Amino acid sequence: GFGMGDVVLGDLLKEKNLLPTLGAHIDVIVLIEDESLRGQSLALVQQIRDLGITTEYSLTPLKGDKQFKRALELRAHFTLRLQQRDGKVVVLGKELKTQEQFESGLEGLPGLLREKLRP
């Protein structure tokens, strides 16, 4: 008979350099720095996911710098955060590769993200 387990197969693929490199692919990390905006931030996460854009956020309250560090670890393309300004909520974004910052209203964000994530 003949039998080959998954470990042997994995070792064989590794030896022949045929294993794919796996890595996280996150387009957007939504930073929740103001807990009073958590509900609106989660609605934003869902809106972005509905566009087919991979999006993550912190499940628990964390300081902004820890969330930003996580975005860097995951090699996200963008960070977004909501900010209350003059009674309105605005979206502040940052492209991590270029460090370019941008600002948008909630209504214009989907088009802006599609444009910026276009290959």
Protein backbone atom coordinates (compact mmCIF):
# COMPACT_ATOMS: atom_id res chain seq x y z
CA GLY A 1 0.00 0.00 0.00
CA PHE A 2 0.90 3.65 -0.16
CA GLY A 3 0.13 6.44 2.26
CA MET A 4 1.24 10.03 2.51
CA GLY A 5 0.21 12.35 5.30
CA ASP A 6 -0.20 16.09 5.22
CA VAL A 7 3.07 16.66 7.08
CA VAL A 8 5.06 14.74 4.49
CA LEU A 9 3.29 16.57 1.68
CA GLY A 10 3.97 19.93 3.39
CA ASP A 11 7.65 19.07 3.80
CA LEU A 12 7.89 18.06 0.15
CA LEU A 13 6.29 21.32 -1.03
CA LYS A 14 8.57 23.34 1.25
CA GLU A 15 11.67 21.52 -0.04
CA LYS A 16 10.69 22.26 -3.64
CA ASN A 17 9.83 25.91 -2.82
CA LEU A 18 6.25 25.37 -3.96
CA LEU A 19 4.47 26.67 -0.85
CA PRO A 20 2.59 29.90 -1.48
CA THR A 21 3.47 32.83 0.72
CA LEU A 22 0.48 33.65 2.83
CA GLY A 23 -0.01 37.07 4.25
CA ALA A 24 -2.72 39.28 5.54
CA HIS A 25 -4.46 41.44 3.00
CA ILE A 26 -6.45 44.20 4.59
CA ASP A 27 -7.56 47.20 2.59
CA VAL A 28 -8.89 49.35 5.42
CA ILE A 29 -8.57 49.47 9.20
CA VAL A 30 -11.19 51.61 10.90
CA LEU A 31 -9.67 53.17 14.01
CA ILE A 32 -12.16 53.79 16.80
CA GLU A 33 -10.52 56.47 18.92
CA ASP A 34 -13.76 58.01 20.22
CA GLU A 35 -15.98 55.38 21.84
CA SER A 36 -19.01 57.64 21.48
CA LEU A 37 -18.61 57.10 17.70
CA ARG A 38 -18.30 53.28 17.93
CA GLY A 39 -21.82 52.68 16.57
CA GLN A 40 -21.24 54.95 13.60
CA SER A 41 -17.79 53.43 13.08
CA LEU A 42 -19.27 49.93 12.94
CA ALA A 43 -21.87 51.15 10.44
CA LEU A 44 -18.97 52.51 8.37
CA VAL A 45 -17.19 49.13 8.60
CA GLN A 46 -20.30 47.39 7.28
CA GLN A 47 -20.76 49.93 4.49
CA ILE A 48 -17.16 49.40 3.35
CA ARG A 49 -17.48 45.61 3.55
CA ASP A 50 -20.65 45.80 1.45
CA LEU A 51 -18.45 47.34 -1.28
CA GLY A 52 -16.29 44.19 -1.22
CA ILE A 53 -13.40 45.96 0.51
CA THR A 54 -11.63 44.01 3.27
CA THR A 55 -12.01 45.92 6.49
CA GLU A 56 -11.04 45.36 10.11
CA TYR A 57 -11.51 47.22 13.39
CA SER A 58 -10.68 46.75 17.06
CA LEU A 59 -13.31 44.76 18.92
CA THR A 60 -12.26 46.24 22.25
CA PRO A 61 -11.46 49.84 23.20
CA LEU A 62 -7.77 50.49 22.55
CA LYS A 63 -5.71 53.64 22.34
CA GLY A 64 -5.32 55.02 18.84
CA ASP A 65 -1.58 54.31 18.67
CA LYS A 66 -2.12 50.61 19.41
CA GLN A 67 -4.78 50.38 16.72
CA PHE A 68 -2.49 52.18 14.26
CA LYS A 69 0.37 49.80 15.10
CA ARG A 70 -1.96 46.88 14.34
CA ALA A 71 -2.81 48.46 10.98
CA LEU A 72 0.91 48.58 10.17
CA GLU A 73 1.38 44.95 11.25
CA LEU A 74 -1.46 43.86 8.96
CA ARG A 75 -0.03 45.96 6.12
CA ALA A 76 -3.34 47.72 5.57
CA HIS A 77 -3.61 50.15 2.70
CA PHE A 78 -5.60 52.75 4.64
CA THR A 79 -6.74 53.75 8.09
CA LEU A 80 -10.00 55.58 8.55
CA ARG A 81 -11.40 57.22 11.67
CA LEU A 82 -14.47 59.21 12.42
CA GLN A 83 -14.27 62.59 14.08
CA GLN A 84 -17.00 64.87 15.35
CA ARG A 85 -16.52 68.38 14.00
CA ASP A 86 -19.01 71.24 14.33
CA GLY A 87 -21.87 68.83 14.92
CA LYS A 88 -21.00 66.76 11.83
CA VAL A 89 -19.13 63.51 11.54
CA VAL A 90 -16.22 63.50 9.09
CA VAL A 91 -13.96 60.68 7.98
CA LEU A 92 -10.21 61.20 8.31
CA GLY A 93 -8.14 58.81 6.23
CA LYS A 94 -4.50 58.00 5.78
CA GLU A 95 -2.83 55.99 3.05
CA LEU A 96 -0.13 54.09 4.92
CA LYS A 97 2.24 53.56 2.00
CA THR A 98 2.50 57.23 1.03
CA GLN A 99 1.44 58.76 4.37
CA GLU A 100 -1.04 60.90 2.39
CA GLN A 101 -3.93 62.10 4.52
CA PHE A 102 -7.40 62.87 3.24
CA GLU A 103 -10.79 63.92 4.55
CA SER A 104 -14.24 62.97 3.36
CA GLY A 105 -17.86 63.12 4.31
CA LEU A 106 -19.60 59.82 4.94
CA GLU A 107 -21.57 60.09 1.69
CA GLY A 108 -18.50 60.57 -0.55
CA LEU A 109 -16.33 57.91 1.04
CA PRO A 110 -17.37 54.85 -1.05
CA GLY A 111 -16.40 56.51 -4.34
CA LEU A 112 -13.18 57.84 -2.87
CA LEU A 113 -12.16 54.38 -1.58
CA ARG A 114 -12.95 52.73 -4.91
CA GLU A 115 -10.80 55.31 -6.69
CA LYS A 116 -7.88 54.96 -4.27
CA LEU A 117 -7.98 51.14 -4.24
CA ARG A 118 -8.21 50.81 -8.01
CA PRO A 119 -5.26 48.73 -9.26
